[in-house]
């Protein structure tokens, strides 16, 4: 029923001319980018005691604010439950959804949203108590498995049951936070989620992370991407360009420090050429020149963002793996400028 309600909402919004508008103009007039994020997921979006937000998704929102408004601080964060993320975007409660969300064609076709390009690659995995890990994947046959309603993982579990000849007793929750808490409370024998998110939850585990194991199998492909409403070409392209700029900055070795100190043809020829090409897009995008440099100066290049939030500089300490640049054996790339 929730999916049908979302589809009906999308159709209503698409049919209402009064709701069609230029998000870029609205954001500039408001002086604030409204960003939908998770409520408490280490590595992606978490708030400290002083109310300061941090995480991969949070950094991307700061980068967009820096590019569009000239100030990374001009962003507000709306924590959203999994079940409310697309509803909030379609209702225009947020301008940008940066909330650990899988890009799927069915979501674009049925919900009227548009994804901005892969920001992270991961896959469906299972977390189990460490004492139960010896059974491996086959040990989950007949197990009670927690999953989040409305996610791609529910469909993946159905497909896995068919392809592997396994049976699951699936228990659905309205948010990843509910699913996490239920699993740690022993209400289900395994928790199914994308592997990076499970690593974040494992870092919060009662009794310490060693009490739980993430099984090594990856059972789906999950390209995580920011999303915007479909139908606003300039805003959609702006968000895509900011993501591409952060990735290209790593390719060109433009670090946060280098962006602050200045990138010149003598110090970094490839970087200076990229920034000139980015500035050539400023007018078509309705941005002030220097938009890409401002984004990089605010949060660093993609590699710096990953290491700070998910990698060696974070509690998760995840290897980049497939999230390395394409030129270094990974899957990550940006369209050329």
C-alpha atoms as a PDB file:
ATOM      1  CA  UNK A   1       0.000   0.000   0.000  1.00  0.00           C
ATOM      2  CA  UNK A   2       2.861   2.367   0.783  1.00  0.00           C
ATOM      3  CA  UNK A   3       4.265   1.992  -2.740  1.00  0.00           C
ATOM      4  CA  UNK A   4       0.860   2.723  -4.308  1.00  0.00           C
ATOM      5  CA  UNK A   5       0.514   5.818  -2.131  1.00  0.00           C
ATOM      6  CA  UNK A   6       3.921   7.056  -3.232  1.00  0.00           C
ATOM      7  CA  UNK A   7       3.048   6.473  -6.885  1.00  0.00           C
ATOM      8  CA  UNK A   8      -0.235   8.361  -6.501  1.00  0.00           C
ATOM      9  CA  UNK A   9       1.628  11.241  -4.848  1.00  0.00           C
ATOM     10  CA  UNK A  10       4.148  11.311  -7.678  1.00  0.00           C
ATOM     11  CA  UNK A  11       1.410  11.411 -10.323  1.00  0.00           C
ATOM     12  CA  UNK A  12      -0.396  14.220  -8.494  1.00  0.00           C
ATOM     13  CA  UNK A  13       2.768  16.294  -8.263  1.00  0.00           C
ATOM     14  CA  UNK A  14       3.598  15.716 -11.912  1.00  0.00           C
ATOM     15  CA  UNK A  15       0.100  16.820 -12.932  1.00  0.00           C
ATOM     16  CA  UNK A  16       0.170  20.034 -10.883  1.00  0.00           C
ATOM     17  CA  UNK A  17       1.713  22.908 -12.839  1.00  0.00           C
ATOM     18  CA  UNK A  18       1.750  25.119  -9.781  1.00  0.00           C
ATOM     19  CA  UNK A  19       4.241  22.756  -8.186  1.00  0.00           C
ATOM     20  CA  UNK A  20       6.601  22.815 -11.146  1.00  0.00           C
ATOM     21  CA  UNK A  21       9.364  25.307 -10.572  1.00  0.00           C
ATOM     22  CA  UNK A  22      13.018  26.179 -10.675  1.00  0.00           C
ATOM     23  CA  UNK A  23      14.544  24.677  -7.564  1.00  0.00           C
ATOM     24  CA  UNK A  24      17.830  26.515  -8.108  1.00  0.00           C
ATOM     25  CA  UNK A  25      16.013  29.874  -8.052  1.00  0.00           C
ATOM     26  CA  UNK A  26      14.033  28.878  -4.960  1.00  0.00           C
ATOM     27  CA  UNK A  27      17.171  27.712  -3.147  1.00  0.00           C
ATOM     28  CA  UNK A  28      18.977  30.972  -3.952  1.00  0.00           C
ATOM     29  CA  UNK A  29      16.002  33.058  -2.869  1.00  0.00           C
ATOM     30  CA  UNK A  30      15.728  31.113   0.360  1.00  0.00           C
ATOM     31  CA  UNK A  31      19.490  31.152   0.904  1.00  0.00           C
ATOM     32  CA  UNK A  32      19.405  27.571   2.114  1.00  0.00           C
ATOM     33  CA  UNK A  33      19.635  24.050   0.694  1.00  0.00           C
ATOM     34  CA  UNK A  34      17.226  21.707   2.486  1.00  0.00           C
ATOM     35  CA  UNK A  35      18.715  18.245   2.601  1.00  0.00           C
ATOM     36  CA  UNK A  36      17.011  14.995   3.616  1.00  0.00           C
ATOM     37  CA  UNK A  37      19.352  12.627   5.487  1.00  0.00           C
ATOM     38  CA  UNK A  38      19.249   9.631   7.821  1.00  0.00           C
ATOM     39  CA  UNK A  39      18.678  10.324  11.492  1.00  0.00           C
ATOM     40  CA  UNK A  40      21.580   8.447  13.093  1.00  0.00           C
ATOM     41  CA  UNK A  41      23.772   6.325  10.836  1.00  0.00           C
ATOM     42  CA  UNK A  42      27.528   6.570  11.501  1.00  0.00           C
ATOM     43  CA  UNK A  43      29.505   7.313   8.377  1.00  0.00           C
ATOM     44  CA  UNK A  44      26.484   8.719   6.550  1.00  0.00           C
ATOM     45  CA  UNK A  45      24.596  11.158   8.777  1.00  0.00           C
ATOM     46  CA  UNK A  46      24.939  11.513  12.520  1.00  0.00           C
ATOM     47  CA  UNK A  47      24.479  14.433  14.905  1.00  0.00           C
ATOM     48  CA  UNK A  48      26.764  15.077  17.861  1.00  0.00           C
ATOM     49  CA  UNK A  49      25.741  16.488  21.231  1.00  0.00           C
ATOM     50  CA  UNK A  50      26.080  20.051  19.966  1.00  0.00           C
ATOM     51  CA  UNK A  51      23.776  19.356  17.001  1.00  0.00           C
ATOM     52  CA  UNK A  52      26.556  19.319  14.420  1.00  0.00           C
ATOM     53  CA  UNK A  53      25.990  16.917  11.539  1.00  0.00           C
ATOM     54  CA  UNK A  54      28.697  14.738   9.981  1.00  0.00           C
ATOM     55  CA  UNK A  55      28.904  11.935   7.422  1.00  0.00           C
ATOM     56  CA  UNK A  56      29.256  11.139   3.735  1.00  0.00           C
ATOM     57  CA  UNK A  57      25.720  12.248   2.879  1.00  0.00           C
ATOM     58  CA  UNK A  58      26.102  15.360   5.019  1.00  0.00           C
ATOM     59  CA  UNK A  59      29.357  16.342   3.303  1.00  0.00           C
ATOM     60  CA  UNK A  60      27.705  16.090  -0.091  1.00  0.00           C
ATOM     61  CA  UNK A  61      24.974  18.503   1.017  1.00  0.00           C
ATOM     62  CA  UNK A  62      27.623  20.951   2.241  1.00  0.00           C
ATOM     63  CA  UNK A  63      29.341  20.693  -1.153  1.00  0.00           C
ATOM     64  CA  UNK A  64      26.091  21.527  -2.974  1.00  0.00           C
ATOM     65  CA  UNK A  65      25.494  24.518  -0.698  1.00  0.00           C
ATOM     66  CA  UNK A  66      29.041  25.759  -1.307  1.00  0.00           C
ATOM     67  CA  UNK A  67      28.654  25.447  -5.078  1.00  0.00           C
ATOM     68  CA  UNK A  68      25.184  27.012  -5.299  1.00  0.00           C
ATOM     69  CA  UNK A  69      25.166  29.541  -2.446  1.00  0.00           C
ATOM     70  CA  UNK A  70      28.867  30.150  -1.901  1.00  0.00           C
ATOM     71  CA  UNK A  71      28.738  28.941   1.703  1.00  0.00           C
ATOM     72  CA  UNK A  72      28.786  25.277   2.843  1.00  0.00           C
ATOM     73  CA  UNK A  73      27.025  26.255   6.069  1.00  0.00           C
ATOM     74  CA  UNK A  74      23.882  27.354   4.231  1.00  0.00           C
ATOM     75  CA  UNK A  75      22.203  23.969   4.501  1.00  0.00           C
ATOM     76  CA  UNK A  76      19.531  22.559   6.790  1.00  0.00           C
ATOM     77  CA  UNK A  77      19.185  18.847   7.522  1.00  0.00           C
ATOM     78  CA  UNK A  78      15.901  16.993   7.873  1.00  0.00           C
ATOM     79  CA  UNK A  79      16.318  13.524   9.387  1.00  0.00           C
ATOM     80  CA  UNK A  80      14.014  11.119   7.576  1.00  0.00           C
ATOM     81  CA  UNK A  81      12.851   7.586   8.283  1.00  0.00           C
ATOM     82  CA  UNK A  82      13.383   5.177   5.408  1.00  0.00           C
ATOM     83  CA  UNK A  83       9.657   5.033   4.725  1.00  0.00           C
ATOM     84  CA  UNK A  84       9.391   8.858   4.586  1.00  0.00           C
ATOM     85  CA  UNK A  85      12.366   9.734   2.377  1.00  0.00           C
ATOM     86  CA  UNK A  86      10.653   9.760  -1.023  1.00  0.00           C
ATOM     87  CA  UNK A  87       7.446  11.221   0.394  1.00  0.00           C
ATOM     88  CA  UNK A  88       9.419  14.171   1.768  1.00  0.00           C
ATOM     89  CA  UNK A  89      11.147  14.711  -1.569  1.00  0.00           C
ATOM     90  CA  UNK A  90       7.906  14.541  -3.558  1.00  0.00           C
ATOM     91  CA  UNK A  91       6.199  16.886  -1.117  1.00  0.00           C
ATOM     92  CA  UNK A  92       9.105  19.331  -1.600  1.00  0.00           C
ATOM     93  CA  UNK A  93       9.979  19.294   2.062  1.00  0.00           C
ATOM     94  CA  UNK A  94      13.584  18.857   0.934  1.00  0.00           C
ATOM     95  CA  UNK A  95      15.436  20.013  -2.178  1.00  0.00           C
ATOM     96  CA  UNK A  96      17.848  17.115  -2.166  1.00  0.00           C
ATOM     97  CA  UNK A  97      17.696  13.579  -0.805  1.00  0.00           C
ATOM     98  CA  UNK A  98      21.128  12.434   0.315  1.00  0.00           C
ATOM     99  CA  UNK A  99      20.149   9.490   2.441  1.00  0.00           C
ATOM    100  CA  UNK A 100      21.971   6.218   1.683  1.00  0.00           C
ATOM    101  CA  UNK A 101      19.462   5.408  -1.056  1.00  0.00           C
ATOM    102  CA  UNK A 102      19.852   2.846  -3.841  1.00  0.00           C
ATOM    103  CA  UNK A 103      19.440   4.074  -7.401  1.00  0.00           C
ATOM    104  CA  UNK A 104      16.922   1.874  -9.204  1.00  0.00           C
ATOM    105  CA  UNK A 105      15.147   2.361 -12.509  1.00  0.00           C
ATOM    106  CA  UNK A 106      11.807   1.363 -10.990  1.00  0.00           C
ATOM    107  CA  UNK A 107      12.086   4.211  -8.485  1.00  0.00           C
ATOM    108  CA  UNK A 108      12.832   6.701 -11.238  1.00  0.00           C
ATOM    109  CA  UNK A 109       9.972   5.419 -13.402  1.00  0.00           C
ATOM    110  CA  UNK A 110       7.334   5.056 -10.689  1.00  0.00           C
ATOM    111  CA  UNK A 111       8.159   7.776  -8.162  1.00  0.00           C
ATOM    112  CA  UNK A 112       9.128  10.674 -10.421  1.00  0.00           C
ATOM    113  CA  UNK A 113      12.583  11.096  -8.927  1.00  0.00           C
ATOM    114  CA  UNK A 114      15.957  11.354 -10.621  1.00  0.00           C
ATOM    115  CA  UNK A 115      19.205  10.002  -9.245  1.00  0.00           C
ATOM    116  CA  UNK A 116      22.417  11.986  -9.556  1.00  0.00           C
ATOM    117  CA  UNK A 117      24.874   9.166 -10.179  1.00  0.00           C
ATOM    118  CA  UNK A 118      26.572   6.571  -7.971  1.00  0.00           C
ATOM    119  CA  UNK A 119      28.213   8.080  -4.896  1.00  0.00           C
ATOM    120  CA  UNK A 120      28.942   4.713  -3.286  1.00  0.00           C
ATOM    121  CA  UNK A 121      28.849   1.089  -4.395  1.00  0.00           C
ATOM    122  CA  UNK A 122      27.781  -1.615  -1.983  1.00  0.00           C
ATOM    123  CA  UNK A 123      25.652  -4.772  -1.889  1.00  0.00           C
ATOM    124  CA  UNK A 124      23.169  -6.709   0.215  1.00  0.00           C
ATOM    125  CA  UNK A 125      24.770  -8.564   3.100  1.00  0.00           C
ATOM    126  CA  UNK A 126      23.719 -10.201   6.366  1.00  0.00           C
ATOM    127  CA  UNK A 127      24.817  -9.480   9.916  1.00  0.00           C
ATOM    128  CA  UNK A 128      24.463 -12.265  12.483  1.00  0.00           C
ATOM    129  CA  UNK A 129      25.625 -12.846  16.052  1.00  0.00           C
ATOM    130  CA  UNK A 130      29.257 -13.953  15.968  1.00  0.00           C
ATOM    131  CA  UNK A 131      28.386 -17.285  17.558  1.00  0.00           C
ATOM    132  CA  UNK A 132      26.083 -18.062  14.599  1.00  0.00           C
ATOM    133  CA  UNK A 133      28.508 -17.039  11.858  1.00  0.00           C
ATOM    134  CA  UNK A 134      29.935 -20.547  11.431  1.00  0.00           C
ATOM    135  CA  UNK A 135      26.834 -21.647   9.546  1.00  0.00           C
ATOM    136  CA  UNK A 136      27.517 -19.084   6.828  1.00  0.00           C
ATOM    137  CA  UNK A 137      24.890 -18.214   4.277  1.00  0.00           C
ATOM    138  CA  UNK A 138      23.345 -21.703   4.334  1.00  0.00           C
ATOM    139  CA  UNK A 139      22.800 -21.330   8.049  1.00  0.00           C
ATOM    140  CA  UNK A 140      20.195 -18.663   7.322  1.00  0.00           C
ATOM    141  CA  UNK A 141      17.795 -21.124   5.682  1.00  0.00           C
ATOM    142  CA  UNK A 142      14.555 -20.834   7.645  1.00  0.00           C
ATOM    143  CA  UNK A 143      15.916 -17.963   9.743  1.00  0.00           C
ATOM    144  CA  UNK A 144      14.007 -14.886  10.859  1.00  0.00           C
ATOM    145  CA  UNK A 145      15.535 -11.993   8.918  1.00  0.00           C
ATOM    146  CA  UNK A 146      14.957  -8.312   9.598  1.00  0.00           C
ATOM    147  CA  UNK A 147      14.554  -5.961   6.625  1.00  0.00           C
ATOM    148  CA  UNK A 148      13.310  -2.424   6.040  1.00  0.00           C
ATOM    149  CA  UNK A 149       9.958  -1.973   4.343  1.00  0.00           C
ATOM    150  CA  UNK A 150      10.109  -0.239   0.966  1.00  0.00           C
ATOM    151  CA  UNK A 151      13.804  -0.942   0.289  1.00  0.00           C
ATOM    152  CA  UNK A 152      15.395  -2.834  -2.579  1.00  0.00           C
ATOM    153  CA  UNK A 153      16.589  -5.411  -0.050  1.00  0.00           C
ATOM    154  CA  UNK A 154      13.135  -6.936   0.338  1.00  0.00           C
ATOM    155  CA  UNK A 155      13.040  -7.688  -3.381  1.00  0.00           C
ATOM    156  CA  UNK A 156      16.607  -9.001  -3.182  1.00  0.00           C
ATOM    157  CA  UNK A 157      15.630 -11.400  -0.406  1.00  0.00           C
ATOM    158  CA  UNK A 158      12.782 -12.743  -2.540  1.00  0.00           C
ATOM    159  CA  UNK A 159      15.170 -13.256  -5.461  1.00  0.00           C
ATOM    160  CA  UNK A 160      17.714 -14.919  -3.210  1.00  0.00           C
ATOM    161  CA  UNK A 161      15.094 -17.318  -1.872  1.00  0.00           C
ATOM    162  CA  UNK A 162      14.383 -18.437  -5.446  1.00  0.00           C
ATOM    163  CA  UNK A 163      17.949 -18.602  -6.766  1.00  0.00           C
ATOM    164  CA  UNK A 164      19.448 -20.263  -3.672  1.00  0.00           C
ATOM    165  CA  UNK A 165      16.484 -22.415  -2.740  1.00  0.00           C
ATOM    166  CA  UNK A 166      16.253 -20.842   0.706  1.00  0.00           C
ATOM    167  CA  UNK A 167      13.364 -19.794   2.910  1.00  0.00           C
ATOM    168  CA  UNK A 168      13.278 -16.690   5.088  1.00  0.00           C
ATOM    169  CA  UNK A 169      10.844 -15.487   7.703  1.00  0.00           C
ATOM    170  CA  UNK A 170      11.064 -11.803   6.835  1.00  0.00           C
ATOM    171  CA  UNK A 171      10.160  -9.273   9.512  1.00  0.00           C
ATOM    172  CA  UNK A 172       9.630  -5.771   8.092  1.00  0.00           C
ATOM    173  CA  UNK A 173      10.423  -2.521   9.892  1.00  0.00           C
ATOM    174  CA  UNK A 174       9.667   1.077   8.944  1.00  0.00           C
ATOM    175  CA  UNK A 175      13.227   2.355   9.316  1.00  0.00           C
ATOM    176  CA  UNK A 176      16.796   1.126   9.425  1.00  0.00           C
ATOM    177  CA  UNK A 177      16.998   2.362  13.010  1.00  0.00           C
ATOM    178  CA  UNK A 178      14.041   0.173  14.010  1.00  0.00           C
ATOM    179  CA  UNK A 179      15.512  -2.818  12.193  1.00  0.00           C
ATOM    180  CA  UNK A 180      18.901  -2.277  13.850  1.00  0.00           C
ATOM    181  CA  UNK A 181      17.428  -2.004  17.347  1.00  0.00           C
ATOM    182  CA  UNK A 182      15.183  -5.056  16.821  1.00  0.00           C
ATOM    183  CA  UNK A 183      18.140  -7.144  15.665  1.00  0.00           C
ATOM    184  CA  UNK A 184      20.317  -6.137  18.608  1.00  0.00           C
ATOM    185  CA  UNK A 185      17.364  -6.917  20.908  1.00  0.00           C
ATOM    186  CA  UNK A 186      17.261 -10.472  19.517  1.00  0.00           C
ATOM    187  CA  UNK A 187      13.929 -10.128  17.708  1.00  0.00           C
ATOM    188  CA  UNK A 188      15.423 -11.547  14.490  1.00  0.00           C
ATOM    189  CA  UNK A 189      18.295 -13.933  13.819  1.00  0.00           C
ATOM    190  CA  UNK A 190      19.868 -11.881  11.031  1.00  0.00           C
ATOM    191  CA  UNK A 191      19.719  -8.344   9.718  1.00  0.00           C
ATOM    192  CA  UNK A 192      19.747  -7.741   5.949  1.00  0.00           C
ATOM    193  CA  UNK A 193      21.041  -4.414   4.678  1.00  0.00           C
ATOM    194  CA  UNK A 194      23.748  -3.050   2.442  1.00  0.00           C
ATOM    195  CA  UNK A 195      27.205  -4.006   3.663  1.00  0.00           C
ATOM    196  CA  UNK A 196      28.399  -0.466   4.413  1.00  0.00           C
ATOM    197  CA  UNK A 197      25.323   0.304   6.493  1.00  0.00           C
ATOM    198  CA  UNK A 198      25.753  -2.961   8.399  1.00  0.00           C
ATOM    199  CA  UNK A 199      29.335  -1.935   9.167  1.00  0.00           C
ATOM    200  CA  UNK A 200      27.983   1.322  10.591  1.00  0.00           C
ATOM    201  CA  UNK A 201      25.502  -0.565  12.773  1.00  0.00           C
ATOM    202  CA  UNK A 202      28.150  -3.049  13.881  1.00  0.00           C
ATOM    203  CA  UNK A 203      30.239  -0.151  15.167  1.00  0.00           C
ATOM    204  CA  UNK A 204      27.297   0.727  17.459  1.00  0.00           C
ATOM    205  CA  UNK A 205      26.667  -2.828  18.657  1.00  0.00           C
ATOM    206  CA  UNK A 206      25.942  -3.350  22.343  1.00  0.00           C
ATOM    207  CA  UNK A 207      28.818  -5.302  23.805  1.00  0.00           C
ATOM    208  CA  UNK A 208      31.132  -4.163  21.020  1.00  0.00           C
ATOM    209  CA  UNK A 209      31.492  -4.974  17.310  1.00  0.00           C
ATOM    210  CA  UNK A 210      33.161  -8.344  17.967  1.00  0.00           C
ATOM    211  CA  UNK A 211      29.816  -9.689  19.168  1.00  0.00           C
ATOM    212  CA  UNK A 212      28.524  -9.617  15.577  1.00  0.00           C
ATOM    213  CA  UNK A 213      29.742 -10.748  12.162  1.00  0.00           C
ATOM    214  CA  UNK A 214      28.895  -9.531   8.668  1.00  0.00           C
ATOM    215  CA  UNK A 215      28.849 -12.540   6.364  1.00  0.00           C
ATOM    216  CA  UNK A 216      31.244 -12.127   3.398  1.00  0.00           C
ATOM    217  CA  UNK A 217      28.731 -12.795   0.608  1.00  0.00           C
ATOM    218  CA  UNK A 218      27.428  -9.788  -1.344  1.00  0.00           C
ATOM    219  CA  UNK A 219      24.097 -10.704  -2.883  1.00  0.00           C
ATOM    220  CA  UNK A 220      23.115  -7.651  -4.905  1.00  0.00           C
ATOM    221  CA  UNK A 221      24.514  -4.509  -6.481  1.00  0.00           C
ATOM    222  CA  UNK A 222      23.477  -1.337  -4.692  1.00  0.00           C
ATOM    223  CA  UNK A 223      24.611   1.953  -6.265  1.00  0.00           C
ATOM    224  CA  UNK A 224      23.953   4.573  -3.588  1.00  0.00           C
ATOM    225  CA  UNK A 225      23.018   7.955  -5.031  1.00  0.00           C
ATOM    226  CA  UNK A 226      21.588  11.360  -4.112  1.00  0.00           C
ATOM    227  CA  UNK A 227      18.163  12.048  -5.612  1.00  0.00           C
ATOM    228  CA  UNK A 228      16.084  15.044  -6.690  1.00  0.00           C
ATOM    229  CA  UNK A 229      12.613  15.467  -8.140  1.00  0.00           C
ATOM    230  CA  UNK A 230      12.365  14.764 -11.846  1.00  0.00           C
ATOM    231  CA  UNK A 231      11.321  17.663 -14.048  1.00  0.00           C
ATOM    232  CA  UNK A 232      13.780  20.344 -12.992  1.00  0.00           C
ATOM    233  CA  UNK A 233      16.642  19.897 -15.432  1.00  0.00           C
ATOM    234  CA  UNK A 234      18.871  22.681 -14.135  1.00  0.00           C
ATOM    235  CA  UNK A 235      18.732  21.606 -10.479  1.00  0.00           C
ATOM    236  CA  UNK A 236      19.225  17.958 -11.427  1.00  0.00           C
ATOM    237  CA  UNK A 237      22.261  18.821 -13.567  1.00  0.00           C
ATOM    238  CA  UNK A 238      23.681  21.056 -10.840  1.00  0.00           C
ATOM    239  CA  UNK A 239      23.593  18.243  -8.288  1.00  0.00           C
ATOM    240  CA  UNK A 240      25.105  15.812 -10.823  1.00  0.00           C
ATOM    241  CA  UNK A 241      27.884  18.278 -11.599  1.00  0.00           C
ATOM    242  CA  UNK A 242      28.779  18.752  -7.927  1.00  0.00           C
ATOM    243  CA  UNK A 243      29.120  14.990  -7.460  1.00  0.00           C
ATOM    244  CA  UNK A 244      31.162  14.709 -10.654  1.00  0.00           C
ATOM    245  CA  UNK A 245      33.397  17.576  -9.519  1.00  0.00           C
ATOM    246  CA  UNK A 246      34.257  15.866  -6.221  1.00  0.00           C
ATOM    247  CA  UNK A 247      35.198  12.657  -8.042  1.00  0.00           C
ATOM    248  CA  UNK A 248      37.140  14.467 -10.774  1.00  0.00           C
ATOM    249  CA  UNK A 249      38.997  16.445  -8.124  1.00  0.00           C
ATOM    250  CA  UNK A 250      40.412  13.190  -6.768  1.00  0.00           C
ATOM    251  CA  UNK A 251      41.378  12.118 -10.294  1.00  0.00           C
ATOM    252  CA  UNK A 252      43.216  15.421 -10.721  1.00  0.00           C
ATOM    253  CA  UNK A 253      44.790  15.368  -7.234  1.00  0.00           C
ATOM    254  CA  UNK A 254      43.004  18.512  -6.076  1.00  0.00           C
ATOM    255  CA  UNK A 255      42.820  18.156  -2.303  1.00  0.00           C
ATOM    256  CA  UNK A 256      40.951  20.364   0.129  1.00  0.00           C
ATOM    257  CA  UNK A 257      44.232  22.045   1.063  1.00  0.00           C
ATOM    258  CA  UNK A 258      45.173  22.582  -2.578  1.00  0.00           C
ATOM    259  CA  UNK A 259      41.761  24.087  -3.285  1.00  0.00           C
ATOM    260  CA  UNK A 260      42.248  26.512  -0.394  1.00  0.00           C
ATOM    261  CA  UNK A 261      45.728  27.512  -1.550  1.00  0.00           C
ATOM    262  CA  UNK A 262      44.895  27.786  -5.253  1.00  0.00           C
ATOM    263  CA  UNK A 263      45.322  25.471  -8.240  1.00  0.00           C
ATOM    264  CA  UNK A 264      47.447  26.825 -11.077  1.00  0.00           C
ATOM    265  CA  UNK A 265      48.600  25.427 -14.436  1.00  0.00           C
ATOM    266  CA  UNK A 266      52.148  25.324 -13.089  1.00  0.00           C
ATOM    267  CA  UNK A 267      51.298  23.458  -9.882  1.00  0.00           C
ATOM    268  CA  UNK A 268      48.637  21.136 -11.291  1.00  0.00           C
ATOM    269  CA  UNK A 269      48.022  21.330 -15.064  1.00  0.00           C
ATOM    270  CA  UNK A 270      45.274  18.666 -15.115  1.00  0.00           C
ATOM    271  CA  UNK A 271      43.526  20.215 -12.132  1.00  0.00           C
ATOM    272  CA  UNK A 272      43.644  23.722 -13.579  1.00  0.00           C
ATOM    273  CA  UNK A 273      42.218  22.459 -16.883  1.00  0.00           C
ATOM    274  CA  UNK A 274      39.360  20.691 -15.089  1.00  0.00           C
ATOM    275  CA  UNK A 275      38.505  23.827 -13.110  1.00  0.00           C
ATOM    276  CA  UNK A 276      38.445  25.936 -16.302  1.00  0.00           C
ATOM    277  CA  UNK A 277      36.064  23.440 -17.884  1.00  0.00           C
ATOM    278  CA  UNK A 278      33.895  23.476 -14.766  1.00  0.00           C
ATOM    279  CA  UNK A 279      33.756  27.285 -14.848  1.00  0.00           C
ATOM    280  CA  UNK A 280      32.581  27.138 -18.458  1.00  0.00           C
ATOM    281  CA  UNK A 281      29.423  25.467 -17.072  1.00  0.00           C
ATOM    282  CA  UNK A 282      28.791  28.171 -14.480  1.00  0.00           C
ATOM    283  CA  UNK A 283      26.504  30.307 -16.656  1.00  0.00           C
ATOM    284  CA  UNK A 284      24.386  27.404 -18.026  1.00  0.00           C
ATOM    285  CA  UNK A 285      23.998  26.123 -14.464  1.00  0.00           C
ATOM    286  CA  UNK A 286      23.171  29.567 -13.094  1.00  0.00           C
ATOM    287  CA  UNK A 287      26.152  29.436 -10.727  1.00  0.00           C
ATOM    288  CA  UNK A 288      28.916  31.880  -9.914  1.00  0.00           C
ATOM    289  CA  UNK A 289      32.331  31.013 -11.375  1.00  0.00           C
ATOM    290  CA  UNK A 290      34.486  28.976  -9.015  1.00  0.00           C
ATOM    291  CA  UNK A 291      31.572  26.736  -8.010  1.00  0.00           C
ATOM    292  CA  UNK A 292      33.599  23.516  -8.264  1.00  0.00           C
ATOM    293  CA  UNK A 293      36.546  24.953  -6.352  1.00  0.00           C
ATOM    294  CA  UNK A 294      34.182  26.118  -3.593  1.00  0.00           C
ATOM    295  CA  UNK A 295      32.713  22.619  -3.264  1.00  0.00           C
ATOM    296  CA  UNK A 296      36.162  21.007  -3.028  1.00  0.00           C
ATOM    297  CA  UNK A 297      37.373  23.658  -0.592  1.00  0.00           C
ATOM    298  CA  UNK A 298      34.368  22.945   1.631  1.00  0.00           C
ATOM    299  CA  UNK A 299      34.665  19.164   1.978  1.00  0.00           C
ATOM    300  CA  UNK A 300      37.665  17.917  -0.016  1.00  0.00           C
ATOM    301  CA  UNK A 301      37.718  15.564  -2.964  1.00  0.00           C
ATOM    302  CA  UNK A 302      35.827  12.266  -3.009  1.00  0.00           C
ATOM    303  CA  UNK A 303      38.755  10.284  -1.618  1.00  0.00           C
ATOM    304  CA  UNK A 304      39.094  12.638   1.334  1.00  0.00           C
ATOM    305  CA  UNK A 305      35.351  12.469   2.008  1.00  0.00           C
ATOM    306  CA  UNK A 306      35.389   8.662   1.920  1.00  0.00           C
ATOM    307  CA  UNK A 307      38.428   8.300   4.174  1.00  0.00           C
ATOM    308  CA  UNK A 308      37.078  10.780   6.724  1.00  0.00           C
ATOM    309  CA  UNK A 309      33.627   9.200   6.999  1.00  0.00           C
ATOM    310  CA  UNK A 310      33.980   5.528   6.057  1.00  0.00           C
ATOM    311  CA  UNK A 311      37.678   4.774   5.638  1.00  0.00           C
ATOM    312  CA  UNK A 312      40.831   4.832   7.719  1.00  0.00           C
ATOM    313  CA  UNK A 313      39.978   8.145   9.382  1.00  0.00           C
ATOM    314  CA  UNK A 314      36.622   6.871  10.640  1.00  0.00           C
ATOM    315  CA  UNK A 315      35.473   4.333  13.249  1.00  0.00           C
ATOM    316  CA  UNK A 316      34.267   2.083  10.400  1.00  0.00           C
ATOM    317  CA  UNK A 317      37.731   1.789   8.770  1.00  0.00           C
ATOM    318  CA  UNK A 318      36.337   0.274   5.575  1.00  0.00           C
ATOM    319  CA  UNK A 319      38.612  -0.471   2.655  1.00  0.00           C
ATOM    320  CA  UNK A 320      37.561   1.434  -0.458  1.00  0.00           C
ATOM    321  CA  UNK A 321      37.441  -1.699  -2.589  1.00  0.00           C
ATOM    322  CA  UNK A 322      35.065  -1.144  -5.505  1.00  0.00           C
ATOM    323  CA  UNK A 323      34.740   2.496  -4.426  1.00  0.00           C
ATOM    324  CA  UNK A 324      38.244   3.230  -5.658  1.00  0.00           C
ATOM    325  CA  UNK A 325      38.564   5.344  -8.784  1.00  0.00           C
ATOM    326  CA  UNK A 326      38.183   3.513 -12.083  1.00  0.00           C
ATOM    327  CA  UNK A 327      41.852   4.255 -12.813  1.00  0.00           C
ATOM    328  CA  UNK A 328      42.833   2.423  -9.617  1.00  0.00           C
ATOM    329  CA  UNK A 329      40.823  -0.738 -10.122  1.00  0.00           C
ATOM    330  CA  UNK A 330      37.487   0.454  -8.728  1.00  0.00           C
ATOM    331  CA  UNK A 331      34.101   1.317 -10.212  1.00  0.00           C
ATOM    332  CA  UNK A 332      33.969   5.020  -9.379  1.00  0.00           C
ATOM    333  CA  UNK A 333      34.099   7.505 -12.231  1.00  0.00           C
ATOM    334  CA  UNK A 334      32.618  10.823 -13.266  1.00  0.00           C
ATOM    335  CA  UNK A 335      31.443  11.904 -16.722  1.00  0.00           C
ATOM    336  CA  UNK A 336      34.071  14.117 -18.386  1.00  0.00           C
ATOM    337  CA  UNK A 337      33.628  17.864 -18.124  1.00  0.00           C
END
